[in-house]
Each structure stands twice: as C-alpha cells, then as structure tokens.
Amino acid sequence: MEKIESFKVNHVLLKRGIYVSRKDYDNETGKVIATTFDIRMKEPNREPVINIAELHTIEHLGATFLRNHEKYKNETIYFGPMGCRTGFYVIFKGDLKSEDVKDIITEMFEFMSTFEGDIPGADPYSCGNYLDQNLLNARYESKKYLEEVLYNLKEENLVYPN
C-alpha cells in the first residue's frame, strides 16, 4: 500500500511554519480547486505536543475567525487539528502558495492570542465535548507561535524540507 502524501514529509527536518500539504484538482478541467495547508505549531517529535483542551479551543476560535472573516468566510473549506497534535490543517479554495496565506494565518493567530470572553460554540448544544476547553493555554500557544514563527517567517518555514 502506498504512503499518503502527509506521511512522505520528512518530519525529522520539519520546522514550525505554514506549508502547502496538498492540492486537489477538478477531474474535468484539471484545475486546482483547493489547497490544504499544514499549520505546523510544534516541531514533530522534538517538542511537546499541544494538549487536547487547548487544541480544541484553538479549533473553535480559528474556525469561528475564518468563517466570519470578510474575505475568507467564502474561501475557507475546513480548519481543524492534526491527529498528532503538532498543528492544524486549513483548506482554502483555489491554487495557493504559503506566501498567499501568511497574512490571514497571522491575523487569525493574533485574534486567538488575545481572545477574551466565551469560547464560541463551547456549549452542550453546539459541541460534543464542550467542557474540554482551555482558553488560557490556547492563547499562550497562539501567542508563542505568532511571536516565534509567524512574525519571523523564512523560506524554511514555508517550504517542506527534502
């Protein structure tokens, strides 16, 4: 059985950053219809992963931010956590590069790092595990990624290593 694309990424050399994970094509035209981005917040196998409660909170905040954003609400297909808990996937419509989305990702993490108030969707009606949230640590993780990575992006943070 052939490895899926995400298993072909060299996680030994992977740094924190924003990477194009995959592109999906229209079968009839061959044009790219969606780009999936790897929002890598932790260096795999070298840093502690994000705890479940803050991962869950970041998911709620990030999805709410993108789906309410004036420009990106109609461009966002999906935002959610990686199973390995080292980051998130976001899927946008179109044929995009990491450079194309660094501003919206930065804006989203600025929003999450300073968010105050009730966590959107963290209630028994809206969420299947609404009590498993941690806003304080979600803000901490968001601020850390923002200050250490997003404000200092280099080529090594935008293109997967070989």
N, C-alpha and C. Protein backbone atom coordinates (compact mmCIF):
# COMPACT_ATOMS: atom_id res chain seq x y z
N MET A 1 0.85 -1.17 0.00
CA MET A 1 0.00 0.00 0.00
C MET A 1 0.90 1.24 0.00
N GLU A 2 0.61 2.20 -0.87
CA GLU A 2 1.42 3.41 -0.98
C GLU A 2 1.12 4.38 0.16
N LYS A 3 2.17 5.07 0.63
CA LYS A 3 2.02 6.07 1.68
C LYS A 3 1.20 7.25 1.16
N ILE A 4 0.39 7.83 2.04
CA ILE A 4 -0.31 9.05 1.67
C ILE A 4 0.70 10.20 1.73
N GLU A 5 0.37 11.30 1.06
CA GLU A 5 1.30 12.42 0.91
C GLU A 5 1.83 12.94 2.24
N SER A 6 0.98 13.08 3.24
CA SER A 6 1.44 13.65 4.51
C SER A 6 2.46 12.76 5.21
N PHE A 7 2.46 11.46 4.92
CA PHE A 7 3.44 10.55 5.51
C PHE A 7 4.78 10.60 4.77
N LYS A 8 4.81 11.27 3.64
CA LYS A 8 6.05 11.39 2.87
C LYS A 8 6.86 12.62 3.27
N VAL A 9 6.32 13.46 4.13
CA VAL A 9 7.02 14.66 4.60
C VAL A 9 8.08 14.23 5.61
N ASN A 10 9.28 14.77 5.47
CA ASN A 10 10.38 14.44 6.39
C ASN A 10 10.15 15.17 7.72
N HIS A 11 9.53 14.47 8.64
CA HIS A 11 9.22 15.05 9.95
C HIS A 11 10.46 15.25 10.82
N VAL A 12 11.55 14.59 10.47
CA VAL A 12 12.81 14.76 11.22
C VAL A 12 13.36 16.17 11.02
N LEU A 13 13.19 16.71 9.81
CA LEU A 13 13.72 18.04 9.48
C LEU A 13 12.65 19.14 9.53
N LEU A 14 11.38 18.77 9.69
CA LEU A 14 10.28 19.72 9.62
C LEU A 14 10.33 20.73 10.76
N LYS A 15 10.23 22.00 10.39
CA LYS A 15 10.19 23.10 11.37
C LYS A 15 8.77 23.60 11.49
N ARG A 16 8.56 24.49 12.44
CA ARG A 16 7.26 25.14 12.58
C ARG A 16 7.08 26.09 11.40
N GLY A 17 5.87 26.21 10.90
CA GLY A 17 5.62 27.10 9.78
C GLY A 17 4.28 26.89 9.13
N ILE A 18 4.17 27.34 7.88
CA ILE A 18 2.98 27.20 7.05
C ILE A 18 3.41 26.52 5.75
N TYR A 19 2.89 25.35 5.48
CA TYR A 19 3.31 24.57 4.32
C TYR A 19 2.12 24.16 3.47
N VAL A 20 2.33 24.09 2.16
CA VAL A 20 1.32 23.50 1.28
C VAL A 20 1.40 22.00 1.48
N SER A 21 0.32 21.43 1.97
CA SER A 21 0.27 19.99 2.22
C SER A 21 -0.20 19.22 0.99
N ARG A 22 -1.20 19.76 0.31
CA ARG A 22 -1.70 19.09 -0.89
C ARG A 22 -2.57 20.04 -1.68
N LYS A 23 -2.81 19.67 -2.93
CA LYS A 23 -3.73 20.41 -3.79
C LYS A 23 -4.70 19.41 -4.38
N ASP A 24 -5.96 19.80 -4.43
CA ASP A 24 -6.99 18.95 -5.01
C ASP A 24 -7.44 19.57 -6.32
N TYR A 25 -7.65 18.69 -7.31
CA TYR A 25 -7.93 19.12 -8.68
C TYR A 25 -9.34 18.76 -9.10
N ASP A 26 -9.89 19.57 -9.97
CA ASP A 26 -11.17 19.27 -10.62
C ASP A 26 -10.90 18.18 -11.66
N ASN A 27 -11.62 17.09 -11.60
CA ASN A 27 -11.39 15.96 -12.52
C ASN A 27 -11.63 16.31 -13.98
N GLU A 28 -12.54 17.22 -14.25
CA GLU A 28 -12.86 17.57 -15.63
C GLU A 28 -11.89 18.56 -16.24
N THR A 29 -11.54 19.60 -15.49
CA THR A 29 -10.69 20.66 -16.04
C THR A 29 -9.22 20.50 -15.70
N GLY A 30 -8.92 19.76 -14.62
CA GLY A 30 -7.55 19.61 -14.17
C GLY A 30 -7.04 20.80 -13.38
N LYS A 31 -7.91 21.78 -13.14
CA LYS A 31 -7.51 22.97 -12.37
C LYS A 31 -7.55 22.68 -10.88
N VAL A 32 -6.65 23.34 -10.15
CA VAL A 32 -6.64 23.22 -8.69
C VAL A 32 -7.89 23.90 -8.14
N ILE A 33 -8.63 23.18 -7.31
CA ILE A 33 -9.83 23.75 -6.73
C ILE A 33 -9.68 24.04 -5.24
N ALA A 34 -8.69 23.41 -4.59
CA ALA A 34 -8.49 23.63 -3.16
C ALA A 34 -7.03 23.35 -2.79
N THR A 35 -6.54 24.13 -1.84
CA THR A 35 -5.18 23.93 -1.32
C THR A 35 -5.27 23.69 0.18
N THR A 36 -4.65 22.60 0.63
CA THR A 36 -4.59 22.28 2.05
C THR A 36 -3.25 22.75 2.59
N PHE A 37 -3.30 23.48 3.71
CA PHE A 37 -2.09 23.97 4.36
C PHE A 37 -1.87 23.27 5.68
N ASP A 38 -0.61 23.00 5.95
CA ASP A 38 -0.11 22.43 7.20
C ASP A 38 0.33 23.62 8.05
N ILE A 39 -0.42 23.92 9.09
CA ILE A 39 -0.08 24.99 10.02
C ILE A 39 0.65 24.31 11.17
N ARG A 40 1.96 24.21 11.07
CA ARG A 40 2.77 23.41 12.00
C ARG A 40 3.21 24.29 13.16
N MET A 41 2.61 24.06 14.33
CA MET A 41 2.90 24.86 15.51
C MET A 41 4.02 24.28 16.37
N LYS A 42 4.29 23.00 16.23
CA LYS A 42 5.31 22.32 17.03
C LYS A 42 6.23 21.53 16.11
N GLU A 43 7.51 21.46 16.46
CA GLU A 43 8.44 20.62 15.71
C GLU A 43 8.16 19.16 16.07
N PRO A 44 7.78 18.35 15.08
CA PRO A 44 7.40 16.96 15.36
C PRO A 44 8.50 16.17 16.06
N ASN A 45 8.11 15.45 17.07
CA ASN A 45 8.98 14.54 17.81
C ASN A 45 10.13 15.24 18.53
N ARG A 46 10.11 16.56 18.58
CA ARG A 46 11.16 17.31 19.26
C ARG A 46 10.62 18.28 20.30
N GLU A 47 9.34 18.57 20.23
CA GLU A 47 8.70 19.46 21.19
C GLU A 47 7.47 18.77 21.77
N PRO A 48 7.09 19.12 22.97
CA PRO A 48 5.82 18.58 23.48
C PRO A 48 4.67 19.02 22.58
N VAL A 49 3.72 18.13 22.36
CA VAL A 49 2.57 18.45 21.52
C VAL A 49 1.60 19.35 22.27
N ILE A 50 0.61 19.84 21.56
CA ILE A 50 -0.42 20.70 22.15
C ILE A 50 -1.42 19.82 22.89
N ASN A 51 -1.73 20.19 24.12
CA ASN A 51 -2.70 19.43 24.90
C ASN A 51 -4.08 19.51 24.26
N ILE A 52 -4.88 18.49 24.51
CA ILE A 52 -6.19 18.36 23.86
C ILE A 52 -7.10 19.57 24.13
N ALA A 53 -7.17 20.04 25.35
CA ALA A 53 -8.11 21.12 25.67
C ALA A 53 -7.78 22.41 24.91
N GLU A 54 -6.50 22.78 24.85
CA GLU A 54 -6.16 24.00 24.11
C GLU A 54 -6.25 23.78 22.60
N LEU A 55 -5.95 22.58 22.15
CA LEU A 55 -6.11 22.24 20.74
C LEU A 55 -7.58 22.43 20.34
N HIS A 56 -8.47 21.95 21.19
CA HIS A 56 -9.90 22.06 20.96
C HIS A 56 -10.33 23.53 20.92
N THR A 57 -9.81 24.33 21.84
CA THR A 57 -10.15 25.75 21.89
C THR A 57 -9.64 26.48 20.66
N ILE A 58 -8.40 26.19 20.25
CA ILE A 58 -7.85 26.80 19.04
C ILE A 58 -8.72 26.43 17.84
N GLU A 59 -9.19 25.19 17.79
CA GLU A 59 -10.07 24.77 16.70
C GLU A 59 -11.34 25.63 16.67
N HIS A 60 -11.97 25.82 17.82
CA HIS A 60 -13.18 26.63 17.89
C HIS A 60 -12.90 28.08 17.49
N LEU A 61 -11.83 28.65 18.03
CA LEU A 61 -11.51 30.05 17.73
C LEU A 61 -11.11 30.25 16.27
N GLY A 62 -10.25 29.37 15.76
CA GLY A 62 -9.78 29.50 14.39
C GLY A 62 -10.90 29.34 13.38
N ALA A 63 -11.73 28.33 13.57
CA ALA A 63 -12.84 28.09 12.65
C ALA A 63 -13.82 29.27 12.68
N THR A 64 -14.11 29.77 13.88
CA THR A 64 -15.02 30.91 14.01
C THR A 64 -14.44 32.14 13.33
N PHE A 65 -13.15 32.39 13.56
CA PHE A 65 -12.50 33.54 12.94
C PHE A 65 -12.58 33.47 11.41
N LEU A 66 -12.16 32.34 10.84
CA LEU A 66 -12.13 32.21 9.38
C LEU A 66 -13.52 32.27 8.77
N ARG A 67 -14.49 31.65 9.40
CA ARG A 67 -15.84 31.60 8.82
C ARG A 67 -16.61 32.90 9.01
N ASN A 68 -16.05 33.83 9.78
CA ASN A 68 -16.64 35.15 9.94
C ASN A 68 -15.81 36.25 9.28
N HIS A 69 -14.67 35.90 8.73
CA HIS A 69 -13.78 36.87 8.11
C HIS A 69 -14.40 37.41 6.82
N GLU A 70 -14.32 38.71 6.63
CA GLU A 70 -14.96 39.34 5.48
C GLU A 70 -14.55 38.70 4.15
N LYS A 71 -13.26 38.45 3.98
CA LYS A 71 -12.78 37.87 2.72
C LYS A 71 -12.76 36.34 2.75
N TYR A 72 -12.33 35.74 3.84
CA TYR A 72 -12.08 34.30 3.87
C TYR A 72 -13.28 33.44 4.25
N LYS A 73 -14.38 34.04 4.65
CA LYS A 73 -15.55 33.22 5.01
C LYS A 73 -16.04 32.40 3.83
N ASN A 74 -15.86 32.90 2.62
CA ASN A 74 -16.29 32.16 1.43
C ASN A 74 -15.15 31.37 0.80
N GLU A 75 -13.95 31.52 1.30
CA GLU A 75 -12.78 30.81 0.77
C GLU A 75 -12.37 29.63 1.64
N THR A 76 -12.88 29.58 2.87
CA THR A 76 -12.50 28.54 3.84
C THR A 76 -13.36 27.31 3.66
N ILE A 77 -12.71 26.17 3.50
CA ILE A 77 -13.41 24.90 3.41
C ILE A 77 -13.35 24.18 4.75
N TYR A 78 -12.19 24.23 5.42
CA TYR A 78 -12.01 23.45 6.64
C TYR A 78 -10.88 24.04 7.48
N PHE A 79 -11.02 23.98 8.80
CA PHE A 79 -9.94 24.26 9.74
C PHE A 79 -10.08 23.26 10.87
N GLY A 80 -9.01 22.48 11.14
CA GLY A 80 -9.09 21.51 12.21
C GLY A 80 -7.73 20.96 12.59
N PRO A 81 -7.66 20.29 13.73
CA PRO A 81 -6.39 19.81 14.28
C PRO A 81 -5.84 18.57 13.59
N MET A 82 -4.53 18.45 13.64
CA MET A 82 -3.85 17.22 13.20
C MET A 82 -3.96 16.19 14.32
N GLY A 83 -4.08 14.95 13.95
CA GLY A 83 -4.15 13.89 14.95
C GLY A 83 -2.92 13.82 15.83
N CYS A 84 -1.76 14.19 15.30
CA CYS A 84 -0.51 14.13 16.07
C CYS A 84 -0.40 15.29 17.06
N ARG A 85 -1.31 16.26 16.97
CA ARG A 85 -1.38 17.40 17.89
C ARG A 85 -0.19 18.34 17.79
N THR A 86 0.42 18.42 16.60
CA THR A 86 1.52 19.37 16.39
C THR A 86 1.07 20.58 15.56
N GLY A 87 -0.20 20.63 15.20
CA GLY A 87 -0.69 21.75 14.43
C GLY A 87 -2.07 21.52 13.88
N PHE A 88 -2.37 22.26 12.80
CA PHE A 88 -3.71 22.27 12.21
C PHE A 88 -3.61 22.18 10.70
N TYR A 89 -4.71 21.75 10.10
CA TYR A 89 -4.88 21.85 8.66
C TYR A 89 -5.93 22.91 8.38
N VAL A 90 -5.67 23.70 7.36
CA VAL A 90 -6.69 24.62 6.86
C VAL A 90 -6.75 24.42 5.36
N ILE A 91 -7.98 24.36 4.85
CA ILE A 91 -8.19 24.18 3.42
C ILE A 91 -8.90 25.42 2.89
N PHE A 92 -8.27 26.03 1.88
CA PHE A 92 -8.85 27.19 1.21
C PHE A 92 -9.14 26.84 -0.24
N LYS A 93 -10.15 27.48 -0.79
CA LYS A 93 -10.44 27.34 -2.22
C LYS A 93 -9.30 27.94 -3.02
N GLY A 94 -8.97 27.33 -4.15
CA GLY A 94 -8.03 27.90 -5.09
C GLY A 94 -6.65 27.28 -5.07
N ASP A 95 -5.85 27.73 -6.02
CA ASP A 95 -4.46 27.29 -6.21
C ASP A 95 -3.56 28.30 -5.51
N LEU A 96 -3.13 27.97 -4.30
CA LEU A 96 -2.42 28.94 -3.45
C LEU A 96 -1.04 28.44 -3.04
N LYS A 97 -0.21 29.38 -2.62
CA LYS A 97 1.11 29.10 -2.05
C LYS A 97 1.09 29.55 -0.59
N SER A 98 2.08 29.12 0.16
CA SER A 98 2.18 29.52 1.57
C SER A 98 2.21 31.04 1.72
N GLU A 99 2.94 31.69 0.84
CA GLU A 99 3.05 33.16 0.89
C GLU A 99 1.68 33.83 0.74
N ASP A 100 0.78 33.18 0.01
CA ASP A 100 -0.55 33.76 -0.23
C ASP A 100 -1.40 33.80 1.03
N VAL A 101 -1.13 32.94 1.99
CA VAL A 101 -2.00 32.85 3.17
C VAL A 101 -1.32 33.28 4.47
N LYS A 102 -0.06 33.70 4.40
CA LYS A 102 0.63 34.02 5.65
C LYS A 102 -0.03 35.19 6.38
N ASP A 103 -0.60 36.14 5.65
CA ASP A 103 -1.24 37.28 6.32
C ASP A 103 -2.52 36.87 7.04
N ILE A 104 -3.36 36.04 6.40
CA ILE A 104 -4.60 35.62 7.07
C ILE A 104 -4.29 34.68 8.23
N ILE A 105 -3.29 33.85 8.12
CA ILE A 105 -2.91 32.96 9.23
C ILE A 105 -2.38 33.80 10.40
N THR A 106 -1.57 34.80 10.09
CA THR A 106 -1.06 35.70 11.13
C THR A 106 -2.22 36.44 11.80
N GLU A 107 -3.14 36.95 11.02
CA GLU A 107 -4.30 37.65 11.57
C GLU A 107 -5.12 36.73 12.47
N MET A 108 -5.29 35.48 12.05
CA MET A 108 -6.04 34.52 12.85
C MET A 108 -5.35 34.26 14.19
N PHE A 109 -4.02 34.10 14.16
CA PHE A 109 -3.30 33.84 15.42
C PHE A 109 -3.25 35.09 16.30
N GLU A 110 -3.25 36.26 15.73
CA GLU A 110 -3.36 37.49 16.53
C GLU A 110 -4.71 37.51 17.24
N PHE A 111 -5.76 37.17 16.52
CA PHE A 111 -7.10 37.10 17.11
C PHE A 111 -7.13 36.10 18.26
N MET A 112 -6.60 34.90 18.03
CA MET A 112 -6.66 33.85 19.05
C MET A 112 -5.78 34.16 20.26
N SER A 113 -4.65 34.82 20.03
CA SER A 113 -3.73 35.09 21.15
C SER A 113 -4.26 36.14 22.11
N THR A 114 -5.24 36.91 21.69
CA THR A 114 -5.79 37.97 22.54
C THR A 114 -7.27 37.78 22.85
N PHE A 115 -7.84 36.67 22.41
CA PHE A 115 -9.28 36.46 22.57
C PHE A 115 -9.67 36.45 24.04
N GLU A 116 -10.74 37.15 24.33
CA GLU A 116 -11.33 37.15 25.67
C GLU A 116 -12.82 36.90 25.55
N GLY A 117 -13.38 36.30 26.56
CA GLY A 117 -14.82 36.06 26.56
C GLY A 117 -15.14 34.59 26.43
N ASP A 118 -16.39 34.33 26.10
CA ASP A 118 -16.85 32.95 25.96
C ASP A 118 -16.30 32.35 24.67
N ILE A 119 -15.83 31.12 24.76
CA ILE A 119 -15.32 30.41 23.60
C ILE A 119 -16.50 30.10 22.68
N PRO A 120 -16.43 30.53 21.43
CA PRO A 120 -17.55 30.27 20.51
C PRO A 120 -17.83 28.77 20.37
N GLY A 121 -19.11 28.43 20.48
CA GLY A 121 -19.51 27.04 20.30
C GLY A 121 -19.20 26.12 21.46
N ALA A 122 -18.74 26.65 22.57
CA ALA A 122 -18.40 25.82 23.73
C ALA A 122 -19.61 25.72 24.67
N ASP A 123 -20.62 25.04 24.17
CA ASP A 123 -21.84 24.81 24.94
C ASP A 123 -22.40 23.44 24.54
N PRO A 124 -23.24 22.86 25.37
CA PRO A 124 -23.70 21.49 25.10
C PRO A 124 -24.52 21.36 23.82
N TYR A 125 -25.15 22.41 23.38
CA TYR A 125 -25.93 22.36 22.14
C TYR A 125 -25.02 22.30 20.92
N SER A 126 -23.90 23.05 20.95
CA SER A 126 -23.05 23.25 19.77
C SER A 126 -21.88 22.29 19.65
N CYS A 127 -21.47 21.65 20.76
CA CYS A 127 -20.23 20.88 20.75
C CYS A 127 -20.40 19.57 21.52
N GLY A 128 -19.84 18.51 20.98
CA GLY A 128 -19.95 17.19 21.60
C GLY A 128 -19.04 16.97 22.78
N ASN A 129 -18.12 17.89 23.05
CA ASN A 129 -17.22 17.78 24.19
C ASN A 129 -16.89 19.19 24.69
N TYR A 130 -17.92 19.97 24.93
CA TYR A 130 -17.78 21.40 25.19
C TYR A 130 -17.00 21.75 26.44
N LEU A 131 -16.90 20.86 27.40
CA LEU A 131 -16.18 21.16 28.64
C LEU A 131 -14.67 21.03 28.49
N ASP A 132 -14.22 20.34 27.46
CA ASP A 132 -12.78 20.11 27.26
C ASP A 132 -12.19 21.27 26.47
N GLN A 133 -12.03 22.40 27.15
CA GLN A 133 -11.52 23.64 26.56
C GLN A 133 -10.51 24.27 27.53
N ASN A 134 -9.57 25.03 26.98
CA ASN A 134 -8.62 25.76 27.83
C ASN A 134 -8.20 27.03 27.10
N LEU A 135 -8.92 28.11 27.36
CA LEU A 135 -8.67 29.38 26.68
C LEU A 135 -7.32 29.96 27.05
N LEU A 136 -6.94 29.91 28.31
CA LEU A 136 -5.67 30.48 28.74
C LEU A 136 -4.49 29.84 27.99
N ASN A 137 -4.47 28.52 27.93
CA ASN A 137 -3.37 27.84 27.24
C ASN A 137 -3.48 27.96 25.73
N ALA A 138 -4.69 28.06 25.20
CA ALA A 138 -4.86 28.29 23.76
C ALA A 138 -4.28 29.64 23.39
N ARG A 139 -4.52 30.64 24.21
CA ARG A 139 -3.94 31.97 23.96
C ARG A 139 -2.42 31.91 24.06
N TYR A 140 -1.90 31.19 25.03
CA TYR A 140 -0.45 31.04 25.19
C TYR A 140 0.17 30.38 23.95
N GLU A 141 -0.39 29.25 23.51
CA GLU A 141 0.14 28.55 22.35
C GLU A 141 0.04 29.40 21.09
N SER A 142 -1.04 30.13 20.94
CA SER A 142 -1.22 31.01 19.78
C SER A 142 -0.21 32.14 19.78
N LYS A 143 0.01 32.74 20.93
CA LYS A 143 0.97 33.84 21.04
C LYS A 143 2.40 33.35 20.78
N LYS A 144 2.73 32.20 21.31
CA LYS A 144 4.06 31.62 21.12
C LYS A 144 4.33 31.38 19.64
N TYR A 145 3.38 30.78 18.94
CA TYR A 145 3.52 30.51 17.51
C TYR A 145 3.60 31.82 16.72
N LEU A 146 2.78 32.76 17.09
CA LEU A 146 2.75 34.06 16.43
C LEU A 146 4.09 34.77 16.55
N GLU A 147 4.59 34.88 17.77
CA GLU A 147 5.83 35.64 18.01
C GLU A 147 7.08 34.91 17.55
N GLU A 148 7.13 33.60 17.73
CA GLU A 148 8.34 32.85 17.39
C GLU A 148 8.41 32.42 15.94
N VAL A 149 7.26 32.27 15.29
CA VAL A 149 7.24 31.75 13.92
C VAL A 149 6.65 32.75 12.93
N LEU A 150 5.40 33.09 13.10
CA LEU A 150 4.72 33.90 12.09
C LEU A 150 5.33 35.27 11.88
N TYR A 151 5.81 35.90 12.93
CA TYR A 151 6.43 37.22 12.78
C TYR A 151 7.86 37.13 12.22
N ASN A 152 8.37 35.92 12.07
CA ASN A 152 9.75 35.71 11.62
C ASN A 152 9.85 34.66 10.52
N LEU A 153 8.85 34.57 9.66
CA LEU A 153 8.83 33.52 8.63
C LEU A 153 10.00 33.64 7.67
N LYS A 154 10.60 32.48 7.40
CA LYS A 154 11.68 32.37 6.43
C LYS A 154 11.30 31.26 5.44
N GLU A 155 12.08 31.08 4.41
CA GLU A 155 11.82 30.04 3.41
C GLU A 155 11.66 28.67 4.07
N GLU A 156 12.49 28.38 5.08
CA GLU A 156 12.45 27.08 5.76
C GLU A 156 11.14 26.85 6.51
N ASN A 157 10.37 27.92 6.73
CA ASN A 157 9.08 27.81 7.40
C ASN A 157 7.91 27.80 6.42
N LEU A 158 8.23 27.83 5.12
CA LEU A 158 7.19 27.92 4.10
C LEU A 158 7.26 26.81 3.05
N VAL A 159 8.35 26.07 3.02
CA VAL A 159 8.54 25.00 2.03
C VAL A 159 8.99 23.76 2.77
N TYR A 160 8.30 22.64 2.54
CA TYR A 160 8.66 21.39 3.20
C TYR A 160 10.13 21.03 2.94
N PRO A 161 10.81 20.47 3.95
CA PRO A 161 12.20 20.02 3.73
C PRO A 161 12.24 18.78 2.84
N ASN A 162 13.35 18.58 2.18
CA ASN A 162 13.51 17.38 1.32
C ASN A 162 13.85 16.17 2.17
